[in-house]
Each structure stands twice: as C-alpha cells, then as structure tokens.
C-alpha cells in the first residue's frame, strides 16, 4: 500500500480502532487518521473506537467523539486498525475485524504477523504515527491531524531519544512542527507531566525494586493491594519501566503489576544487548526488540524467574 487514498475509493463508512490500554502512539494514529478524513474526506462517515483515552490527550481535537463500545448492529465498509500487533490486543472494536467489508492493519511492531486482509507493517519505523504519515499527503495534513501524529511519535520515541528514532523520524517531526503545532506544550503536557499519585507510585516501585543478574537486570513490581492503596489505574503506571531502564549498568528493565489472582502484566525494556520481543513472543506477547510486553501467570517470583532465564541466556551469548 503506497497511500491511504488507494483503500478509500468507494468507501462511505470507516471504523478506526487501536489496542487495549491505548498509549500515545495508538491514540495519535487513530485520531490522526480520523482528523485527516474529517479534513479531506467529509463524505466518509468515520468513527473511532478506543478504551477511554487518558486526560493527558485532551488537547487532541475531537477526542471527546471517541466511542468506548461497539454497536452490535453496525457494519462498516472499512475497518482500520492502528498499532495493533495481534487479535487479542484489539480493544473495544474486535467485532469490526469480522463484520467490515474490508480490513486494514497499519502497524510497526515486528511481532505483527498480519491480522487483517491488508497489512501495512513497517518495523523499521519509530511509531505507527510515522507509518501513517508516510501514507498521507503532507500538503493535506492540517494542524489538528499534525498534533495527533506528533503525539504518537514523541511517545514511542521517548521524545526522540530511543533507538527507534531515525533521520526520517526527525524529518517528519520537523514537517509536523511546520504545521504550527504547539510542540513544546504537547511534549510537556502529554509526556512529562505527572500527577502527585503517579510520582508516588513511581517512587514506591523504584524504592522496592530489585537488581538481578549481577546488576544487569532491574525488576519492579506492584501487587493489586498497592494499586488500591494509592488509588491508581494501569494508565497511571506508564513510564515506570522506562525510568527503571535508565539505571546505570542495567541492560534489561522489567516492570510487572498484578491484574488478577496469580496473573501479571509484564513490560520489558532493553538497552540493546537483549531482544525482549523474542522473550515476550515466547510468553504469548509481542512488541519491539527493545520494548515488549506480555501477560503471565504464577506468583511474582515464578514470573521473574521465568523471565530472567532467557534474559541471562542472551546476555551470555
């Protein structure tokens, strides 16, 4: 697929959806596509389906129009999936994959084997928003769409500091800035600003983290009782694993939190020596070489032991 226009011919209705617990890249790509259609294809009825986006993305135009549940009777001409690497990661709109006349998945996860009829996957891209930008006509991207796309790029690149950032990423960022977006405010408000309780839970995790494998692996974890004590949701935990990763001497950071009885959501970050995507894939998850995740069963110690074994093996290779 060379451009988005090629799949929009004859389309009258479009459903746009992303993954569970939508992050900046997911929200940015879904809303970026919606706003591009609104600006350039007013004849197409477009709807976005996501779990409730976090308040930090409230500046994105029309974010309040996002649907958080799928209407049973609805059938669309086109179903567009963004930033989703597997069927079980589709959020509130999973039915759309079965009921739409045509389905397209646009993504950048290396573990995505193709879940739609048409799959446009670019693992070399920094973000799904970067992939989407390349499919759009730059001259037809308005300020509102640019704000959404820029949001996704800064979140998946850590404001252009992660290894996924390329020369092309920076060029695209510059072109979006040229649209007149308040790029500094977007970075500050959506990426850096934390609530007091978010800082508290971050501090608690770091304080009780453990170092393993001769200081090359750091692990932080939270039980459900911790989440209840601080009154936080999974959305409040974003950024913790990246803070663990920047510990001196660490090659791999692991952050896990309890989601049910003997069940943990795992996030992993690598500084280069370890392919955490391969490890996540083995345990039924996915992601990128340096950023991946999965869900695992067992006690916290069972999960940590299961993860550190393949990490140690890769470190020794």
Protein backbone atom coordinates (compact mmCIF):
# COMPACT_ATOMS: atom_id res chain seq x y z
CA UNK A 1 0.00 0.00 0.00
CA UNK A 2 1.59 3.26 -1.15
CA UNK A 3 -1.01 5.70 0.13
CA UNK A 4 -4.20 5.81 2.14
CA UNK A 5 -6.21 7.09 -0.82
CA UNK A 6 -5.93 3.72 -2.55
CA UNK A 7 -8.06 1.98 0.08
CA UNK A 8 -10.60 4.80 0.43
CA UNK A 9 -12.02 4.56 -3.08
CA UNK A 10 -15.76 3.91 -2.91
CA UNK A 11 -15.73 3.82 0.89
CA UNK A 12 -18.64 5.53 2.64
CA UNK A 13 -18.07 4.44 6.24
CA UNK A 14 -14.90 3.78 8.25
CA UNK A 15 -14.31 2.41 11.74
CA UNK A 16 -10.94 3.27 13.30
CA UNK A 17 -9.62 1.30 16.27
CA UNK A 18 -6.50 0.60 18.29
CA UNK A 19 -5.24 -1.68 21.04
CA UNK A 20 -6.23 -2.17 24.65
CA UNK A 21 -4.95 0.46 27.10
CA UNK A 22 -4.25 2.92 24.26
CA UNK A 23 -0.94 4.76 24.58
CA UNK A 24 0.20 7.92 22.80
CA UNK A 25 1.03 6.21 19.51
CA UNK A 26 -2.28 4.35 19.46
CA UNK A 27 -4.35 7.42 20.29
CA UNK A 28 -2.28 9.62 17.97
CA UNK A 29 -2.57 7.34 14.95
CA UNK A 30 -6.29 6.67 15.43
CA UNK A 31 -7.14 10.34 15.93
CA UNK A 32 -4.69 11.41 13.23
CA UNK A 33 -6.50 9.20 10.72
CA UNK A 34 -9.90 10.43 11.89
CA UNK A 35 -8.89 14.09 11.61
CA UNK A 36 -7.32 13.53 8.19
CA UNK A 37 -10.59 12.04 6.97
CA UNK A 38 -12.57 14.86 8.55
CA UNK A 39 -10.37 17.45 6.81
CA UNK A 40 -10.17 15.81 3.40
CA UNK A 41 -12.99 13.25 3.04
CA UNK A 42 -16.08 14.85 4.61
CA UNK A 43 -18.30 12.48 2.63
CA UNK A 44 -16.95 9.50 4.60
CA UNK A 45 -18.59 8.70 7.93
CA UNK A 46 -15.74 7.92 10.33
CA UNK A 47 -15.90 6.66 13.91
CA UNK A 48 -13.08 5.99 16.37
CA UNK A 49 -13.34 3.13 18.89
CA UNK A 50 -10.94 3.10 21.85
CA UNK A 51 -10.94 2.40 25.54
CA UNK A 52 -11.28 5.71 27.40
CA UNK A 53 -8.23 7.81 26.37
CA UNK A 54 -6.26 9.36 29.22
CA UNK A 55 -6.86 13.01 30.12
CA UNK A 56 -3.34 13.94 29.01
CA UNK A 57 -4.55 13.64 25.41
CA UNK A 58 -7.49 16.00 25.89
CA UNK A 59 -5.87 18.64 23.63
CA UNK A 60 -6.34 16.43 20.55
CA UNK A 61 -9.26 17.78 18.54
CA UNK A 62 -12.46 15.70 18.72
CA UNK A 63 -11.02 13.29 21.28
CA UNK A 64 -14.39 13.57 23.00
CA UNK A 65 -16.01 11.87 19.99
CA UNK A 66 -14.24 8.57 20.68
CA UNK A 67 -16.63 5.64 21.17
CA UNK A 68 -15.81 3.27 24.03
CA UNK A 69 -18.15 0.44 22.99
CA UNK A 70 -19.04 -1.24 19.70
CA UNK A 71 -22.65 -1.03 18.39
CA UNK A 72 -23.80 -4.57 17.64
CA UNK A 73 -25.76 -3.62 14.53
CA UNK A 74 -23.03 -1.53 12.91
CA UNK A 75 -21.32 -2.73 9.72
CA UNK A 76 -18.65 -0.56 8.08
CA UNK A 77 -17.19 -0.52 4.59
CA UNK A 78 -13.68 -0.28 6.03
CA UNK A 79 -12.14 -1.22 9.37
CA UNK A 80 -8.78 0.45 10.07
CA UNK A 81 -6.63 -0.95 12.87
CA UNK A 82 -3.71 1.08 14.19
CA UNK A 83 -0.81 -0.02 16.40
CA UNK A 84 -2.34 -3.48 16.99
CA UNK A 85 0.00 -6.44 16.66
CA UNK A 86 -2.37 -9.33 17.44
CA UNK A 87 -6.10 -10.11 17.52
CA UNK A 88 -6.23 -10.45 21.28
CA UNK A 89 -4.85 -6.92 21.62
CA UNK A 90 -7.73 -5.28 19.78
CA UNK A 91 -9.64 -3.07 22.17
CA UNK A 92 -13.36 -2.42 22.21
CA UNK A 93 -13.85 -2.93 18.45
CA UNK A 94 -12.75 -6.54 17.91
CA UNK A 95 -16.02 -7.35 16.11
CA UNK A 96 -15.15 -4.96 13.33
CA UNK A 97 -12.50 -7.34 12.08
CA UNK A 98 -15.23 -9.84 11.24
CA UNK A 99 -18.06 -7.61 10.07
CA UNK A 100 -16.43 -4.92 7.89
CA UNK A 101 -16.30 -5.32 4.11
CA UNK A 102 -12.57 -4.64 4.12
CA UNK A 103 -10.00 -4.61 6.94
CA UNK A 104 -6.59 -2.94 7.09
CA UNK A 105 -3.93 -3.05 9.81
CA UNK A 106 -1.29 -0.31 9.94
CA UNK A 107 1.46 -1.00 12.45
CA UNK A 108 5.18 -1.01 13.25
CA UNK A 109 5.50 -3.97 15.62
CA UNK A 110 8.00 -6.57 14.42
CA UNK A 111 5.87 -9.32 16.01
CA UNK A 112 2.82 -8.47 13.87
CA UNK A 113 2.24 -11.41 11.50
CA UNK A 114 -0.75 -9.77 9.79
CA UNK A 115 -4.23 -9.79 11.29
CA UNK A 116 -6.29 -8.02 8.61
CA UNK A 117 -6.97 -8.56 4.91
CA UNK A 118 -4.46 -5.83 4.08
CA UNK A 119 -1.47 -5.38 6.39
CA UNK A 120 0.93 -2.46 6.15
CA UNK A 121 3.63 -3.16 8.75
CA UNK A 122 6.92 -1.23 8.88
CA UNK A 123 9.08 -2.50 11.77
CA UNK A 124 11.83 -0.02 10.89
CA UNK A 125 9.56 2.93 11.67
CA UNK A 126 9.68 4.61 15.06
CA UNK A 127 5.94 4.52 15.54
CA UNK A 128 2.63 3.77 13.88
CA UNK A 129 2.16 7.53 13.52
CA UNK A 130 5.33 7.64 11.41
CA UNK A 131 3.98 4.80 9.26
CA UNK A 132 0.67 6.61 8.86
CA UNK A 133 2.33 9.91 7.97
CA UNK A 134 4.06 8.21 5.02
CA UNK A 135 0.65 7.07 3.74
CA UNK A 136 -0.88 10.55 3.87
CA UNK A 137 -0.35 13.57 1.63
CA UNK A 138 1.70 16.09 3.59
CA UNK A 139 0.00 19.06 1.94
CA UNK A 140 -3.39 17.76 3.11
CA UNK A 141 -2.36 17.31 6.75
CA UNK A 142 -3.90 20.10 8.83
CA UNK A 143 -2.82 21.37 12.22
CA UNK A 144 -5.22 19.15 14.19
CA UNK A 145 -4.06 15.99 12.41
CA UNK A 146 -0.42 17.06 12.84
CA UNK A 147 -0.88 17.43 16.60
CA UNK A 148 -2.20 13.88 16.85
CA UNK A 149 0.59 12.40 14.72
CA UNK A 150 3.29 14.32 16.61
CA UNK A 151 1.86 13.00 19.88
CA UNK A 152 2.32 9.40 18.76
CA UNK A 153 5.85 9.96 17.51
CA UNK A 154 7.10 11.62 20.70
CA UNK A 155 5.56 8.93 22.90
CA UNK A 156 7.05 5.98 21.04
CA UNK A 157 10.46 7.63 20.65
CA UNK A 158 10.65 8.99 24.20
CA UNK A 159 10.80 12.49 22.67
CA UNK A 160 13.34 11.38 20.04
CA UNK A 161 15.74 9.69 22.47
CA UNK A 162 15.02 5.96 21.93
CA UNK A 163 16.98 3.90 19.41
CA UNK A 164 13.93 3.63 17.13
CA UNK A 165 14.42 7.31 16.24
CA UNK A 166 15.87 7.72 12.73
CA UNK A 167 16.80 10.59 10.47
CA UNK A 168 13.43 10.15 8.78
CA UNK A 169 11.67 10.35 12.15
CA UNK A 170 13.28 13.72 12.79
CA UNK A 171 12.38 14.95 9.31
CA UNK A 172 8.74 14.02 9.82
CA UNK A 173 8.74 15.65 13.25
CA UNK A 174 10.05 18.84 11.66
CA UNK A 175 7.37 18.80 8.98
CA UNK A 176 4.65 18.39 11.60
CA UNK A 177 6.10 21.26 13.64
CA UNK A 178 5.97 23.37 10.47
CA UNK A 179 2.17 22.99 10.55
CA UNK A 180 2.16 25.39 13.50
CA UNK A 181 1.54 22.90 16.29
CA UNK A 182 2.45 23.80 19.91
CA UNK A 183 5.07 21.04 20.00
CA UNK A 184 6.64 22.13 23.30
CA UNK A 185 3.29 22.11 25.09
CA UNK A 186 2.38 18.71 23.62
CA UNK A 187 5.65 17.25 24.94
CA UNK A 188 5.31 18.80 28.38
CA UNK A 189 1.63 18.08 28.94
CA UNK A 190 1.33 14.59 27.48
CA UNK A 191 4.76 13.08 28.10
CA UNK A 192 6.44 14.65 31.13
CA UNK A 193 3.72 15.98 33.42
CA UNK A 194 2.69 13.51 36.14
CA UNK A 195 0.14 13.69 38.90
CA UNK A 196 1.29 13.55 42.50
CA UNK A 197 -0.02 10.00 42.89
CA UNK A 198 1.79 8.91 39.70
CA UNK A 199 5.04 10.19 41.20
CA UNK A 200 4.23 8.39 44.44
CA UNK A 201 3.69 5.01 42.76
CA UNK A 202 6.83 5.53 40.67
CA UNK A 203 8.85 6.22 43.81
CA UNK A 204 7.34 3.20 45.58
CA UNK A 205 8.26 0.92 42.65
CA UNK A 206 11.84 2.19 42.44
CA UNK A 207 12.32 2.00 46.20
CA UNK A 208 11.27 -1.65 46.30
CA UNK A 209 12.85 -2.74 43.01
CA UNK A 210 15.47 -5.50 42.94
CA UNK A 211 18.68 -5.92 40.96
CA UNK A 212 19.43 -9.31 39.38
CA UNK A 213 22.00 -10.91 37.06
CA UNK A 214 24.95 -9.00 38.51
CA UNK A 215 23.17 -5.69 38.21
CA UNK A 216 22.29 -6.11 34.55
CA UNK A 217 18.56 -6.62 35.19
CA UNK A 218 16.27 -4.50 37.36
CA UNK A 219 12.77 -5.58 38.35
CA UNK A 220 9.96 -3.52 39.78
CA UNK A 221 6.54 -4.93 40.65
CA UNK A 222 3.24 -3.91 42.19
CA UNK A 223 0.51 -6.01 43.75
CA UNK A 224 -3.19 -5.21 43.43
CA UNK A 225 -3.20 -4.07 47.05
CA UNK A 226 -0.58 -1.44 46.14
CA UNK A 227 -2.72 -0.13 43.28
CA UNK A 228 -5.75 0.05 45.57
CA UNK A 229 -3.78 1.76 48.34
CA UNK A 230 -2.66 4.57 46.04
CA UNK A 231 -5.92 4.63 44.08
CA UNK A 232 -4.20 4.23 40.71
CA UNK A 233 -5.20 2.55 37.46
CA UNK A 234 -2.94 0.86 34.88
CA UNK A 235 -2.86 4.15 32.94
CA UNK A 236 -1.05 5.74 35.89
CA UNK A 237 1.81 3.25 35.54
CA UNK A 238 3.03 4.46 32.15
CA UNK A 239 6.68 5.44 32.19
CA UNK A 240 7.73 3.36 35.20
CA UNK A 241 9.57 0.72 33.17
CA UNK A 242 11.46 3.38 31.24
CA UNK A 243 12.58 5.02 34.48
CA UNK A 244 13.87 1.65 35.66
CA UNK A 245 15.70 1.16 32.34
CA UNK A 246 17.93 4.22 32.75
CA UNK A 247 19.55 2.79 35.90
CA UNK A 248 23.33 2.70 35.41
CA UNK A 249 24.63 -0.73 34.41
CA UNK A 250 21.21 -2.14 33.58
CA UNK A 251 20.68 -3.94 30.28
CA UNK A 252 17.06 -5.02 30.84
CA UNK A 253 14.29 -3.49 32.93
CA UNK A 254 11.18 -5.46 33.90
CA UNK A 255 8.05 -3.96 35.38
CA UNK A 256 5.07 -6.09 36.29
CA UNK A 257 1.83 -5.43 38.07
CA UNK A 258 -0.85 -7.81 39.28
CA UNK A 259 -4.03 -7.87 37.17
CA UNK A 260 -5.73 -10.85 38.79
CA UNK A 261 -5.09 -13.82 41.04
CA UNK A 262 -1.68 -15.18 40.03
CA UNK A 263 -1.71 -13.02 36.87
CA UNK A 264 0.71 -10.23 35.93
CA UNK A 265 1.02 -7.72 33.11
CA UNK A 266 4.69 -7.52 32.14
CA UNK A 267 6.57 -4.69 30.41
CA UNK A 268 10.21 -5.05 29.39
CA UNK A 269 12.77 -2.56 28.09
CA UNK A 270 16.24 -3.33 26.75
CA UNK A 271 19.29 -1.14 26.28
CA UNK A 272 20.41 -3.18 23.28
CA UNK A 273 22.01 -6.46 24.31
CA UNK A 274 18.75 -8.35 24.81
CA UNK A 275 15.91 -8.86 22.33
CA UNK A 276 12.92 -8.55 24.65
CA UNK A 277 10.45 -9.01 21.77
CA UNK A 278 11.64 -12.60 21.35
CA UNK A 279 11.10 -13.22 25.07
CA UNK A 280 7.67 -11.62 25.07
CA UNK A 281 6.65 -13.58 21.99
CA UNK A 282 7.63 -16.85 23.69
CA UNK A 283 5.25 -16.00 26.54
CA UNK A 284 2.39 -15.04 24.22
CA UNK A 285 3.09 -11.31 23.96
CA UNK A 286 4.87 -9.11 21.47
CA UNK A 287 6.47 -5.77 20.77
CA UNK A 288 9.83 -4.49 19.60
CA UNK A 289 13.42 -5.59 20.07
CA UNK A 290 13.90 -3.06 22.87
CA UNK A 291 10.34 -2.67 24.14
CA UNK A 292 7.89 -5.51 24.58
CA UNK A 293 5.32 -6.98 26.92
CA UNK A 294 3.11 -9.94 27.76
CA UNK A 295 0.73 -11.34 30.37
CA UNK A 296 1.95 -14.17 32.59
CA UNK A 297 0.51 -16.46 35.25
CA UNK A 298 2.04 -17.55 38.53
CA UNK A 299 3.43 -15.89 41.63
CA UNK A 300 5.57 -12.80 41.22
CA UNK A 301 8.65 -14.92 41.88
CA UNK A 302 7.57 -17.51 39.29
CA UNK A 303 7.18 -14.78 36.68
CA UNK A 304 10.51 -13.13 37.47
CA UNK A 305 12.34 -16.47 37.39
CA UNK A 306 10.74 -17.41 34.07
CA UNK A 307 11.77 -14.08 32.50
CA UNK A 308 15.30 -13.85 33.83
CA UNK A 309 16.29 -17.27 32.48
CA UNK A 310 16.09 -16.27 28.76
CA UNK A 311 17.47 -12.82 29.60
CA UNK A 312 20.52 -14.38 31.25
CA UNK A 313 20.97 -16.72 28.27
CA UNK A 314 21.00 -13.81 25.82
CA UNK A 315 23.41 -11.82 27.99
CA UNK A 316 25.87 -14.72 27.92
CA UNK A 317 25.74 -15.15 24.13
